[in-house]
Amino acid sequence: MKKVVAIAKTVDLAVQKALSELGVPRERVSVRVLEEPSKGLFGLIGARDAKVEVEFQYDPLEEGRRFLADVLQQMQVEATIESRKADDGTLFDIQGKNLGVTIGRRGQTLDALQYLVNVVANRHAEKHVRIVLDAENYRARRKETLEQLADRIAKKALQMKRNVRLEPMSAAERKVIHAFLQARPDVVTFSEGEEPHRYIVVAPKEA
């Protein structure tokens, strides 16, 4: 929440002055007129300018949504954004046709957009929010693919009786692998390397 008090010859000019200072459009603020302008006696004596209080109520989710919508427009992607509660925050589900450009190779574009949306949303937020981006149900499909990969690698590590190293993955994807194999009593997982080349190692658990 941010308030600005502005003074000008008219209420409209005072509001515009406050909006300029806040850097936001008119529809995103509330305005309270503290003093109406007065011409005074003979238009000179006792003349008084207008005084207004303009308040901007910061909504991090709305800021994130606006930013994402602007980026999609610049990418020439015709889509709508539906938001709903998720286990780990708020989900922004991008819906439309031909959304491959928003996903990118192995979700890299989607992850980059998610990072930027979170930066913008939390820039002035009083309490941190987490926003997860999805498109064409990519997150669920990728999770299923990673779990299938984890199962195959675990079997390979047990069959060969040695550690098996996966290719580098993002922290979010490594988390899926770790979580999926955590319940298995016959293998252990750990990460090695430095970002962005950090990878998972699946090892047979010693008896």
N, C-alpha and C. Protein backbone atom coordinates (compact mmCIF):
# COMPACT_ATOMS: atom_id res chain seq x y z
N MET A 1 0.84 -1.18 0.00
CA MET A 1 0.00 0.00 0.00
C MET A 1 0.89 1.25 0.00
N LYS A 2 0.57 2.18 -0.89
CA LYS A 2 1.36 3.41 -0.96
C LYS A 2 0.42 4.58 -1.18
N LYS A 3 0.63 5.65 -0.39
CA LYS A 3 -0.22 6.83 -0.50
C LYS A 3 0.61 8.04 -0.91
N VAL A 4 0.00 8.89 -1.71
CA VAL A 4 0.64 10.14 -2.13
C VAL A 4 -0.38 11.27 -1.99
N VAL A 5 0.06 12.35 -1.38
CA VAL A 5 -0.78 13.54 -1.29
C VAL A 5 -0.26 14.56 -2.30
N ALA A 6 -1.16 15.07 -3.11
CA ALA A 6 -0.75 16.01 -4.16
C ALA A 6 -1.64 17.26 -4.13
N ILE A 7 -1.05 18.37 -4.52
CA ILE A 7 -1.75 19.66 -4.54
C ILE A 7 -1.61 20.26 -5.93
N ALA A 8 -2.73 20.76 -6.47
CA ALA A 8 -2.71 21.41 -7.79
C ALA A 8 -3.93 22.32 -7.91
N LYS A 9 -4.03 23.03 -9.00
CA LYS A 9 -5.12 24.00 -9.20
C LYS A 9 -6.49 23.34 -9.21
N THR A 10 -6.57 22.13 -9.77
CA THR A 10 -7.84 21.42 -9.81
C THR A 10 -7.64 20.00 -9.26
N VAL A 11 -8.76 19.34 -8.96
CA VAL A 11 -8.70 17.97 -8.46
C VAL A 11 -8.07 17.05 -9.50
N ASP A 12 -8.49 17.21 -10.76
CA ASP A 12 -7.95 16.35 -11.83
C ASP A 12 -6.44 16.51 -11.97
N LEU A 13 -5.97 17.74 -11.91
CA LEU A 13 -4.53 17.98 -12.03
C LEU A 13 -3.78 17.40 -10.84
N ALA A 14 -4.38 17.49 -9.66
CA ALA A 14 -3.75 16.94 -8.46
C ALA A 14 -3.67 15.41 -8.56
N VAL A 15 -4.74 14.80 -9.06
CA VAL A 15 -4.74 13.34 -9.24
C VAL A 15 -3.68 12.91 -10.25
N GLN A 16 -3.60 13.63 -11.37
CA GLN A 16 -2.59 13.31 -12.38
C GLN A 16 -1.18 13.45 -11.82
N LYS A 17 -0.99 14.45 -10.99
CA LYS A 17 0.32 14.65 -10.36
C LYS A 17 0.68 13.47 -9.47
N ALA A 18 -0.30 12.98 -8.70
CA ALA A 18 -0.08 11.83 -7.82
C ALA A 18 0.17 10.56 -8.62
N LEU A 19 -0.60 10.38 -9.70
CA LEU A 19 -0.42 9.20 -10.54
C LEU A 19 0.96 9.16 -11.16
N SER A 20 1.44 10.34 -11.56
CA SER A 20 2.78 10.43 -12.15
C SER A 20 3.84 10.03 -11.13
N GLU A 21 3.64 10.43 -9.89
CA GLU A 21 4.60 10.09 -8.83
C GLU A 21 4.56 8.60 -8.51
N LEU A 22 3.35 8.03 -8.52
CA LEU A 22 3.20 6.60 -8.23
C LEU A 22 3.60 5.73 -9.42
N GLY A 23 3.44 6.27 -10.62
CA GLY A 23 3.77 5.51 -11.82
C GLY A 23 2.75 4.43 -12.15
N VAL A 24 1.47 4.68 -11.84
CA VAL A 24 0.42 3.70 -12.11
C VAL A 24 -0.75 4.39 -12.79
N PRO A 25 -1.61 3.64 -13.52
CA PRO A 25 -2.77 4.24 -14.18
C PRO A 25 -3.90 4.54 -13.19
N ARG A 26 -4.85 5.34 -13.62
CA ARG A 26 -5.94 5.81 -12.75
C ARG A 26 -6.79 4.67 -12.19
N GLU A 27 -7.03 3.63 -12.98
CA GLU A 27 -7.92 2.56 -12.54
C GLU A 27 -7.35 1.70 -11.42
N ARG A 28 -6.10 1.93 -11.06
CA ARG A 28 -5.49 1.09 -10.03
C ARG A 28 -5.30 1.81 -8.70
N VAL A 29 -5.97 2.94 -8.55
CA VAL A 29 -5.84 3.69 -7.31
C VAL A 29 -7.21 4.12 -6.80
N SER A 30 -7.24 4.49 -5.52
CA SER A 30 -8.42 5.12 -4.95
C SER A 30 -8.06 6.57 -4.63
N VAL A 31 -9.02 7.47 -4.81
CA VAL A 31 -8.76 8.90 -4.64
C VAL A 31 -9.67 9.46 -3.55
N ARG A 32 -9.07 10.22 -2.64
CA ARG A 32 -9.84 10.92 -1.62
C ARG A 32 -9.51 12.41 -1.70
N VAL A 33 -10.53 13.22 -1.90
CA VAL A 33 -10.33 14.67 -2.00
C VAL A 33 -10.25 15.24 -0.59
N LEU A 34 -9.10 15.78 -0.25
CA LEU A 34 -8.90 16.35 1.09
C LEU A 34 -9.38 17.80 1.14
N GLU A 35 -9.16 18.54 0.04
CA GLU A 35 -9.60 19.94 -0.02
C GLU A 35 -10.02 20.28 -1.44
N GLU A 36 -11.21 20.83 -1.55
CA GLU A 36 -11.68 21.29 -2.86
C GLU A 36 -11.00 22.62 -3.20
N PRO A 37 -10.77 22.88 -4.46
CA PRO A 37 -10.15 24.16 -4.83
C PRO A 37 -11.13 25.31 -4.61
N SER A 38 -10.60 26.46 -4.31
CA SER A 38 -11.44 27.65 -4.09
C SER A 38 -10.78 28.85 -4.74
N LYS A 39 -11.59 29.63 -5.46
CA LYS A 39 -11.05 30.81 -6.14
C LYS A 39 -10.78 31.95 -5.16
N GLY A 40 -11.49 31.95 -4.05
CA GLY A 40 -11.28 33.02 -3.09
C GLY A 40 -12.02 34.29 -3.46
N LEU A 41 -11.88 35.32 -2.66
CA LEU A 41 -12.55 36.60 -2.88
C LEU A 41 -11.96 37.31 -4.08
N PHE A 42 -12.85 37.69 -5.01
CA PHE A 42 -12.45 38.38 -6.26
C PHE A 42 -11.46 37.53 -7.08
N GLY A 43 -11.47 36.19 -6.80
CA GLY A 43 -10.57 35.32 -7.54
C GLY A 43 -9.13 35.44 -7.12
N LEU A 44 -8.86 36.17 -6.04
CA LEU A 44 -7.46 36.40 -5.61
C LEU A 44 -7.26 36.08 -4.13
N ILE A 45 -7.98 36.75 -3.28
CA ILE A 45 -7.76 36.64 -1.84
C ILE A 45 -8.32 35.32 -1.31
N GLY A 46 -7.49 34.56 -0.62
CA GLY A 46 -7.93 33.30 -0.04
C GLY A 46 -8.07 32.16 -1.04
N ALA A 47 -7.50 32.32 -2.21
CA ALA A 47 -7.55 31.25 -3.20
C ALA A 47 -6.86 30.01 -2.64
N ARG A 48 -7.44 28.83 -2.96
CA ARG A 48 -6.91 27.58 -2.41
C ARG A 48 -6.87 26.50 -3.48
N ASP A 49 -5.75 25.78 -3.55
CA ASP A 49 -5.61 24.70 -4.52
C ASP A 49 -6.33 23.44 -4.03
N ALA A 50 -6.53 22.52 -4.94
CA ALA A 50 -7.11 21.23 -4.58
C ALA A 50 -6.04 20.35 -3.94
N LYS A 51 -6.48 19.55 -2.98
CA LYS A 51 -5.55 18.64 -2.29
C LYS A 51 -6.18 17.26 -2.26
N VAL A 52 -5.46 16.26 -2.78
CA VAL A 52 -6.01 14.90 -2.85
C VAL A 52 -5.03 13.90 -2.24
N GLU A 53 -5.60 12.80 -1.79
CA GLU A 53 -4.79 11.67 -1.32
C GLU A 53 -5.07 10.50 -2.25
N VAL A 54 -4.05 10.02 -2.93
CA VAL A 54 -4.19 8.92 -3.89
C VAL A 54 -3.49 7.69 -3.31
N GLU A 55 -4.23 6.59 -3.22
CA GLU A 55 -3.70 5.38 -2.60
C GLU A 55 -3.62 4.23 -3.61
N PHE A 56 -2.45 3.63 -3.68
CA PHE A 56 -2.24 2.47 -4.56
C PHE A 56 -2.13 1.22 -3.70
N GLN A 57 -3.09 0.32 -3.84
CA GLN A 57 -3.10 -0.94 -3.09
C GLN A 57 -2.40 -1.99 -3.94
N TYR A 58 -1.20 -2.38 -3.53
CA TYR A 58 -0.41 -3.31 -4.34
C TYR A 58 -0.94 -4.73 -4.21
N ASP A 59 -1.24 -5.34 -5.34
CA ASP A 59 -1.70 -6.73 -5.39
C ASP A 59 -0.66 -7.52 -6.18
N PRO A 60 0.20 -8.29 -5.50
CA PRO A 60 1.28 -8.99 -6.20
C PRO A 60 0.81 -9.95 -7.28
N LEU A 61 -0.30 -10.64 -7.03
CA LEU A 61 -0.80 -11.58 -8.03
C LEU A 61 -1.29 -10.83 -9.28
N GLU A 62 -1.95 -9.71 -9.06
CA GLU A 62 -2.42 -8.91 -10.20
C GLU A 62 -1.24 -8.33 -10.97
N GLU A 63 -0.20 -7.90 -10.25
CA GLU A 63 1.00 -7.38 -10.91
C GLU A 63 1.64 -8.46 -11.76
N GLY A 64 1.73 -9.67 -11.21
CA GLY A 64 2.31 -10.78 -11.96
C GLY A 64 1.50 -11.13 -13.19
N ARG A 65 0.19 -11.11 -13.03
CA ARG A 65 -0.70 -11.43 -14.16
C ARG A 65 -0.56 -10.37 -15.27
N ARG A 66 -0.54 -9.11 -14.89
CA ARG A 66 -0.42 -8.03 -15.89
C ARG A 66 0.90 -8.15 -16.65
N PHE A 67 1.97 -8.43 -15.90
CA PHE A 67 3.28 -8.56 -16.54
C PHE A 67 3.28 -9.74 -17.52
N LEU A 68 2.75 -10.87 -17.10
CA LEU A 68 2.70 -12.05 -17.97
C LEU A 68 1.87 -11.78 -19.22
N ALA A 69 0.73 -11.12 -19.04
CA ALA A 69 -0.12 -10.80 -20.19
C ALA A 69 0.61 -9.90 -21.19
N ASP A 70 1.38 -8.93 -20.67
CA ASP A 70 2.14 -8.04 -21.55
C ASP A 70 3.22 -8.81 -22.32
N VAL A 71 3.90 -9.72 -21.63
CA VAL A 71 4.96 -10.50 -22.28
C VAL A 71 4.37 -11.40 -23.35
N LEU A 72 3.25 -12.05 -23.06
CA LEU A 72 2.61 -12.92 -24.05
C LEU A 72 2.19 -12.12 -25.28
N GLN A 73 1.72 -10.91 -25.04
CA GLN A 73 1.32 -10.05 -26.16
C GLN A 73 2.53 -9.70 -27.02
N GLN A 74 3.65 -9.40 -26.38
CA GLN A 74 4.88 -9.09 -27.11
C GLN A 74 5.40 -10.30 -27.87
N MET A 75 5.12 -11.49 -27.33
CA MET A 75 5.52 -12.74 -28.00
C MET A 75 4.53 -13.12 -29.11
N GLN A 76 3.48 -12.29 -29.26
CA GLN A 76 2.42 -12.53 -30.24
C GLN A 76 1.71 -13.85 -29.99
N VAL A 77 1.50 -14.14 -28.71
CA VAL A 77 0.79 -15.35 -28.31
C VAL A 77 -0.61 -14.95 -27.84
N GLU A 78 -1.62 -15.49 -28.50
CA GLU A 78 -3.00 -15.21 -28.11
C GLU A 78 -3.40 -16.23 -27.05
N ALA A 79 -3.55 -15.78 -25.84
CA ALA A 79 -3.85 -16.70 -24.75
C ALA A 79 -4.56 -15.98 -23.62
N THR A 80 -5.21 -16.76 -22.78
CA THR A 80 -5.81 -16.24 -21.56
C THR A 80 -5.07 -16.83 -20.38
N ILE A 81 -5.17 -16.18 -19.24
CA ILE A 81 -4.48 -16.65 -18.04
C ILE A 81 -5.51 -16.93 -16.95
N GLU A 82 -5.61 -18.18 -16.56
CA GLU A 82 -6.51 -18.56 -15.48
C GLU A 82 -5.68 -18.82 -14.23
N SER A 83 -6.10 -18.29 -13.10
CA SER A 83 -5.35 -18.49 -11.87
C SER A 83 -6.18 -19.28 -10.87
N ARG A 84 -5.51 -20.11 -10.12
CA ARG A 84 -6.16 -20.88 -9.06
C ARG A 84 -5.12 -21.29 -8.02
N LYS A 85 -5.59 -21.63 -6.86
CA LYS A 85 -4.71 -22.03 -5.77
C LYS A 85 -4.04 -23.36 -6.10
N ALA A 86 -2.77 -23.46 -5.72
CA ALA A 86 -2.03 -24.70 -5.90
C ALA A 86 -1.37 -25.05 -4.58
N ASP A 87 -0.84 -26.28 -4.49
CA ASP A 87 -0.22 -26.73 -3.25
C ASP A 87 0.96 -25.84 -2.85
N ASP A 88 1.69 -25.36 -3.85
CA ASP A 88 2.89 -24.57 -3.55
C ASP A 88 2.75 -23.10 -3.93
N GLY A 89 1.50 -22.60 -3.93
CA GLY A 89 1.31 -21.18 -4.23
C GLY A 89 0.08 -20.94 -5.08
N THR A 90 0.24 -20.11 -6.09
CA THR A 90 -0.85 -19.80 -7.03
C THR A 90 -0.43 -20.22 -8.44
N LEU A 91 -1.30 -20.93 -9.12
CA LEU A 91 -1.02 -21.39 -10.47
C LEU A 91 -1.59 -20.43 -11.49
N PHE A 92 -0.75 -19.97 -12.42
CA PHE A 92 -1.19 -19.22 -13.58
C PHE A 92 -1.18 -20.19 -14.76
N ASP A 93 -2.36 -20.59 -15.21
CA ASP A 93 -2.48 -21.54 -16.30
C ASP A 93 -2.71 -20.78 -17.61
N ILE A 94 -1.71 -20.84 -18.49
CA ILE A 94 -1.80 -20.15 -19.79
C ILE A 94 -2.60 -21.04 -20.74
N GLN A 95 -3.70 -20.52 -21.25
CA GLN A 95 -4.57 -21.31 -22.11
C GLN A 95 -4.70 -20.65 -23.47
N GLY A 96 -4.55 -21.46 -24.51
CA GLY A 96 -4.64 -20.96 -25.87
C GLY A 96 -4.18 -22.03 -26.84
N LYS A 97 -3.88 -21.63 -28.06
CA LYS A 97 -3.41 -22.56 -29.08
C LYS A 97 -1.94 -22.31 -29.40
N ASN A 98 -1.26 -23.38 -29.78
CA ASN A 98 0.14 -23.29 -30.19
C ASN A 98 1.00 -22.59 -29.12
N LEU A 99 0.97 -23.15 -27.94
CA LEU A 99 1.69 -22.55 -26.81
C LEU A 99 3.11 -23.08 -26.65
N GLY A 100 3.58 -23.82 -27.65
CA GLY A 100 4.93 -24.38 -27.58
C GLY A 100 6.00 -23.33 -27.35
N VAL A 101 5.81 -22.15 -27.93
CA VAL A 101 6.80 -21.08 -27.79
C VAL A 101 6.88 -20.60 -26.34
N THR A 102 5.81 -20.73 -25.58
CA THR A 102 5.84 -20.31 -24.18
C THR A 102 6.45 -21.39 -23.28
N ILE A 103 6.55 -22.60 -23.79
CA ILE A 103 7.11 -23.71 -23.00
C ILE A 103 8.61 -23.85 -23.26
N GLY A 104 8.98 -23.90 -24.54
CA GLY A 104 10.40 -24.01 -24.88
C GLY A 104 10.93 -25.42 -24.67
N ARG A 105 12.21 -25.59 -24.95
CA ARG A 105 12.84 -26.90 -24.82
C ARG A 105 12.90 -27.31 -23.35
N ARG A 106 12.27 -28.43 -23.06
CA ARG A 106 12.22 -28.96 -21.70
C ARG A 106 11.73 -27.93 -20.68
N GLY A 107 10.83 -27.07 -21.14
CA GLY A 107 10.22 -26.10 -20.24
C GLY A 107 11.09 -24.93 -19.85
N GLN A 108 12.19 -24.73 -20.58
CA GLN A 108 13.12 -23.66 -20.20
C GLN A 108 12.48 -22.27 -20.31
N THR A 109 11.70 -22.04 -21.37
CA THR A 109 11.05 -20.74 -21.54
C THR A 109 10.00 -20.53 -20.46
N LEU A 110 9.24 -21.59 -20.17
CA LEU A 110 8.22 -21.51 -19.14
C LEU A 110 8.85 -21.21 -17.78
N ASP A 111 9.98 -21.86 -17.50
CA ASP A 111 10.68 -21.62 -16.23
C ASP A 111 11.20 -20.19 -16.15
N ALA A 112 11.71 -19.68 -17.28
CA ALA A 112 12.22 -18.31 -17.30
C ALA A 112 11.10 -17.30 -17.09
N LEU A 113 9.96 -17.54 -17.74
CA LEU A 113 8.80 -16.67 -17.56
C LEU A 113 8.32 -16.72 -16.11
N GLN A 114 8.32 -17.90 -15.53
CA GLN A 114 7.89 -18.07 -14.14
C GLN A 114 8.80 -17.27 -13.21
N TYR A 115 10.08 -17.33 -13.47
CA TYR A 115 11.04 -16.59 -12.64
C TYR A 115 10.77 -15.08 -12.72
N LEU A 116 10.58 -14.57 -13.93
CA LEU A 116 10.35 -13.14 -14.12
C LEU A 116 9.03 -12.69 -13.50
N VAL A 117 8.00 -13.50 -13.66
CA VAL A 117 6.69 -13.17 -13.09
C VAL A 117 6.79 -13.07 -11.57
N ASN A 118 7.53 -13.99 -10.94
CA ASN A 118 7.70 -13.95 -9.50
C ASN A 118 8.51 -12.74 -9.05
N VAL A 119 9.52 -12.36 -9.83
CA VAL A 119 10.31 -11.17 -9.50
C VAL A 119 9.43 -9.93 -9.52
N VAL A 120 8.63 -9.79 -10.57
CA VAL A 120 7.75 -8.62 -10.71
C VAL A 120 6.69 -8.61 -9.61
N ALA A 121 6.07 -9.77 -9.36
CA ALA A 121 4.99 -9.84 -8.37
C ALA A 121 5.48 -9.49 -6.97
N ASN A 122 6.68 -9.90 -6.65
CA ASN A 122 7.19 -9.70 -5.29
C ASN A 122 8.01 -8.43 -5.11
N ARG A 123 8.09 -7.64 -6.16
CA ARG A 123 8.93 -6.44 -6.12
C ARG A 123 8.55 -5.50 -4.98
N HIS A 124 7.24 -5.30 -4.77
CA HIS A 124 6.79 -4.41 -3.71
C HIS A 124 5.80 -5.10 -2.76
N ALA A 125 5.78 -6.42 -2.80
CA ALA A 125 4.83 -7.16 -1.97
C ALA A 125 5.24 -7.13 -0.50
N GLU A 126 4.26 -6.97 0.37
CA GLU A 126 4.53 -6.98 1.81
C GLU A 126 4.80 -8.42 2.28
N LYS A 127 4.18 -9.39 1.63
CA LYS A 127 4.37 -10.79 1.97
C LYS A 127 4.68 -11.56 0.69
N HIS A 128 5.71 -12.40 0.74
CA HIS A 128 6.15 -13.12 -0.46
C HIS A 128 5.06 -14.06 -0.99
N VAL A 129 4.88 -14.05 -2.29
CA VAL A 129 3.95 -14.97 -2.94
C VAL A 129 4.73 -15.84 -3.92
N ARG A 130 4.24 -17.04 -4.16
CA ARG A 130 4.87 -17.93 -5.14
C ARG A 130 3.87 -18.21 -6.25
N ILE A 131 4.31 -17.95 -7.48
CA ILE A 131 3.46 -18.17 -8.64
C ILE A 131 4.09 -19.25 -9.52
N VAL A 132 3.29 -20.23 -9.88
CA VAL A 132 3.74 -21.31 -10.76
C VAL A 132 3.04 -21.15 -12.11
N LEU A 133 3.82 -21.21 -13.18
CA LEU A 133 3.27 -21.09 -14.53
C LEU A 133 3.13 -22.47 -15.16
N ASP A 134 2.04 -22.64 -15.90
CA ASP A 134 1.83 -23.89 -16.64
C ASP A 134 1.18 -23.56 -17.97
N ALA A 135 1.38 -24.44 -18.94
CA ALA A 135 0.76 -24.29 -20.26
C ALA A 135 0.59 -25.68 -20.85
N GLU A 136 -0.61 -25.94 -21.36
CA GLU A 136 -0.92 -27.23 -21.99
C GLU A 136 -0.61 -28.40 -21.05
N ASN A 137 -0.84 -28.19 -19.76
CA ASN A 137 -0.62 -29.23 -18.75
C ASN A 137 0.82 -29.75 -18.77
N TYR A 138 1.75 -28.87 -19.13
CA TYR A 138 3.15 -29.29 -19.27
C TYR A 138 3.73 -29.80 -17.95
N ARG A 139 3.45 -29.12 -16.85
CA ARG A 139 4.04 -29.50 -15.56
C ARG A 139 3.71 -30.95 -15.20
N ALA A 140 2.45 -31.34 -15.34
CA ALA A 140 2.04 -32.71 -15.01
C ALA A 140 2.67 -33.72 -15.95
N ARG A 141 2.70 -33.37 -17.25
CA ARG A 141 3.28 -34.29 -18.23
C ARG A 141 4.78 -34.46 -17.99
N ARG A 142 5.46 -33.37 -17.67
CA ARG A 142 6.90 -33.44 -17.42
C ARG A 142 7.19 -34.22 -16.14
N LYS A 143 6.35 -34.05 -15.12
CA LYS A 143 6.52 -34.79 -13.86
C LYS A 143 6.41 -36.29 -14.11
N GLU A 144 5.43 -36.68 -14.91
CA GLU A 144 5.25 -38.10 -15.23
C GLU A 144 6.47 -38.64 -15.99
N THR A 145 6.98 -37.85 -16.93
CA THR A 145 8.17 -38.27 -17.69
C THR A 145 9.37 -38.43 -16.77
N LEU A 146 9.56 -37.49 -15.85
CA LEU A 146 10.70 -37.55 -14.93
C LEU A 146 10.59 -38.75 -13.99
N GLU A 147 9.39 -39.05 -13.54
CA GLU A 147 9.22 -40.20 -12.64
C GLU A 147 9.48 -41.50 -13.37
N GLN A 148 9.08 -41.59 -14.63
CA GLN A 148 9.39 -42.78 -15.42
C GLN A 148 10.90 -42.91 -15.63
N LEU A 149 11.55 -41.78 -15.88
CA LEU A 149 13.01 -41.78 -16.03
C LEU A 149 13.67 -42.23 -14.73
N ALA A 150 13.21 -41.72 -13.62
CA ALA A 150 13.77 -42.07 -12.32
C ALA A 150 13.65 -43.57 -12.06
N ASP A 151 12.53 -44.13 -12.41
CA ASP A 151 12.31 -45.57 -12.21
C ASP A 151 13.29 -46.38 -13.06
N ARG A 152 13.47 -45.98 -14.31
CA ARG A 152 14.40 -46.69 -15.20
C ARG A 152 15.83 -46.59 -14.69
N ILE A 153 16.22 -45.39 -14.25
CA ILE A 153 17.59 -45.19 -13.78
C ILE A 153 17.85 -45.99 -12.50
N ALA A 154 16.85 -46.05 -11.63
CA ALA A 154 17.01 -46.82 -10.39
C ALA A 154 17.22 -48.30 -10.71
N LYS A 155 16.45 -48.81 -11.63
CA LYS A 155 16.61 -50.22 -12.05
C LYS A 155 17.98 -50.45 -12.68
N LYS A 156 18.44 -49.49 -13.46
CA LYS A 156 19.75 -49.60 -14.10
C LYS A 156 20.87 -49.60 -13.06
N ALA A 157 20.76 -48.72 -12.07
CA ALA A 157 21.77 -48.65 -11.02
C ALA A 157 21.85 -49.95 -10.23
N LEU A 158 20.69 -50.56 -9.96
CA LEU A 158 20.65 -51.82 -9.23
C LEU A 158 21.19 -52.97 -10.07
N GLN A 159 20.84 -52.96 -11.35
CA GLN A 159 21.28 -54.03 -12.24
C GLN A 159 22.80 -53.99 -12.45
N MET A 160 23.34 -52.78 -12.61
CA MET A 160 24.77 -52.62 -12.87
C MET A 160 25.58 -52.55 -11.57
N LYS A 161 24.86 -52.38 -10.44
CA LYS A 161 25.50 -52.29 -9.12
C LYS A 161 26.52 -51.16 -9.06
N ARG A 162 26.15 -50.03 -9.61
CA ARG A 162 27.02 -48.85 -9.56
C ARG A 162 26.17 -47.58 -9.67
N ASN A 163 26.81 -46.46 -9.37
CA ASN A 163 26.11 -45.18 -9.44
C ASN A 163 25.82 -44.81 -10.88
N VAL A 164 24.66 -44.22 -11.10
CA VAL A 164 24.28 -43.75 -12.44
C VAL A 164 23.98 -42.26 -12.35
N ARG A 165 24.59 -41.53 -13.24
CA ARG A 165 24.46 -40.06 -13.24
C ARG A 165 23.48 -39.63 -14.32
N LEU A 166 22.55 -38.76 -13.94
CA LEU A 166 21.61 -38.21 -14.90
C LEU A 166 22.19 -36.93 -15.50
N GLU A 167 21.58 -36.46 -16.57
CA GLU A 167 22.02 -35.21 -17.17
C GLU A 167 21.61 -34.03 -16.30
N PRO A 168 22.24 -32.87 -16.45
CA PRO A 168 21.88 -31.70 -15.64
C PRO A 168 20.41 -31.34 -15.77
N MET A 169 19.84 -30.93 -14.65
CA MET A 169 18.43 -30.54 -14.61
C MET A 169 18.27 -29.31 -13.73
N SER A 170 17.12 -28.68 -13.85
CA SER A 170 16.80 -27.54 -12.99
C SER A 170 16.53 -28.05 -11.58
N ALA A 171 16.55 -27.15 -10.62
CA ALA A 171 16.30 -27.52 -9.23
C ALA A 171 14.91 -28.14 -9.08
N ALA A 172 13.93 -27.60 -9.80
CA ALA A 172 12.55 -28.11 -9.70
C ALA A 172 12.46 -29.54 -10.21
N GLU A 173 13.17 -29.84 -11.31
CA GLU A 173 13.12 -31.19 -11.87
C GLU A 173 13.91 -32.17 -11.00
N ARG A 174 15.01 -31.70 -10.43
CA ARG A 174 15.76 -32.58 -9.51
C ARG A 174 14.91 -32.94 -8.30
N LYS A 175 14.11 -31.98 -7.86
CA LYS A 175 13.24 -32.21 -6.70
C LYS A 175 12.25 -33.34 -6.99
N VAL A 176 11.73 -33.38 -8.21
CA VAL A 176 10.79 -34.44 -8.60
C VAL A 176 11.47 -35.80 -8.52
N ILE A 177 12.70 -35.90 -9.04
CA ILE A 177 13.44 -37.16 -9.03
C ILE A 177 13.72 -37.60 -7.59
N HIS A 178 14.23 -36.68 -6.78
CA HIS A 178 14.53 -37.00 -5.38
C HIS A 178 13.29 -37.50 -4.65
N ALA A 179 12.18 -36.78 -4.83
CA ALA A 179 10.94 -37.12 -4.12
C ALA A 179 10.41 -38.49 -4.55
N PHE A 180 10.50 -38.78 -5.83
CA PHE A 180 9.96 -40.04 -6.35
C PHE A 180 10.76 -41.24 -5.83
N LEU A 181 12.07 -41.11 -5.76
CA LEU A 181 12.92 -42.24 -5.36
C LEU A 181 13.15 -42.31 -3.85
N GLN A 182 12.71 -41.30 -3.15
CA GLN A 182 12.94 -41.25 -1.71
C GLN A 182 12.31 -42.44 -0.97
N ALA A 183 11.16 -42.90 -1.48
CA ALA A 183 10.44 -43.98 -0.81
C ALA A 183 11.05 -45.36 -1.09
N ARG A 184 11.95 -45.44 -2.06
CA ARG A 184 12.54 -46.73 -2.39
C ARG A 184 13.61 -47.10 -1.36
N PRO A 185 13.59 -48.33 -0.87
CA PRO A 185 14.57 -48.74 0.13
C PRO A 185 15.89 -49.22 -0.46
N ASP A 186 15.94 -49.36 -1.79
CA ASP A 186 17.12 -49.97 -2.41
C ASP A 186 18.05 -48.98 -3.11
N VAL A 187 17.66 -47.70 -3.21
CA VAL A 187 18.53 -46.72 -3.85
C VAL A 187 18.54 -45.42 -3.05
N VAL A 188 19.59 -44.63 -3.25
CA VAL A 188 19.67 -43.29 -2.68
C VAL A 188 19.99 -42.32 -3.80
N THR A 189 19.62 -41.06 -3.61
CA THR A 189 19.91 -40.04 -4.62
C THR A 189 20.61 -38.86 -3.97
N PHE A 190 21.48 -38.21 -4.73
CA PHE A 190 22.12 -36.98 -4.26
C PHE A 190 22.51 -36.16 -5.48
N SER A 191 22.70 -34.88 -5.27
CA SER A 191 23.03 -33.97 -6.36
C SER A 191 24.51 -33.60 -6.30
N GLU A 192 25.10 -33.40 -7.47
CA GLU A 192 26.49 -32.97 -7.59
C GLU A 192 26.59 -31.89 -8.66
N GLY A 193 27.72 -31.18 -8.65
CA GLY A 193 27.96 -30.16 -9.66
C GLY A 193 27.43 -28.80 -9.25
N GLU A 194 27.73 -27.81 -10.07
CA GLU A 194 27.31 -26.44 -9.81
C GLU A 194 26.26 -26.01 -10.83
N GLU A 195 25.35 -25.15 -10.37
CA GLU A 195 24.33 -24.61 -11.29
C GLU A 195 25.01 -23.84 -12.42
N PRO A 196 24.50 -23.90 -13.64
CA PRO A 196 23.29 -24.61 -14.07
C PRO A 196 23.57 -26.04 -14.54
N HIS A 197 24.69 -26.61 -14.15
CA HIS A 197 25.06 -27.95 -14.60
C HIS A 197 24.95 -28.98 -13.48
N ARG A 198 24.15 -28.68 -12.47
CA ARG A 198 23.99 -29.60 -11.35
C ARG A 198 23.13 -30.79 -11.78
N TYR A 199 23.52 -31.99 -11.34
CA TYR A 199 22.85 -33.19 -11.78
C TYR A 199 22.61 -34.13 -10.60
N ILE A 200 21.78 -35.14 -10.83
CA ILE A 200 21.45 -36.15 -9.81
C ILE A 200 22.24 -37.42 -10.06
N VAL A 201 22.66 -38.04 -8.97
CA VAL A 201 23.29 -39.36 -9.04
C VAL A 201 22.38 -40.33 -8.28
N VAL A 202 22.06 -41.46 -8.93
CA VAL A 202 21.27 -42.51 -8.31
C VAL A 202 22.22 -43.65 -7.98
N ALA A 203 22.24 -44.05 -6.71
CA ALA A 203 23.19 -45.07 -6.26
C ALA A 203 22.47 -46.21 -5.54
N PRO A 204 22.93 -47.45 -5.73
CA PRO A 204 22.36 -48.56 -4.97
C PRO A 204 22.64 -48.35 -3.48
N LYS A 205 21.65 -48.63 -2.68
CA LYS A 205 21.83 -48.47 -1.23
C LYS A 205 22.55 -49.69 -0.69
N GLU A 206 23.58 -49.44 0.09
CA GLU A 206 24.36 -50.53 0.65
C GLU A 206 23.55 -51.26 1.71
N ALA A 207 23.66 -52.59 1.69
CA ALA A 207 22.90 -53.41 2.62
C ALA A 207 23.44 -53.25 4.05
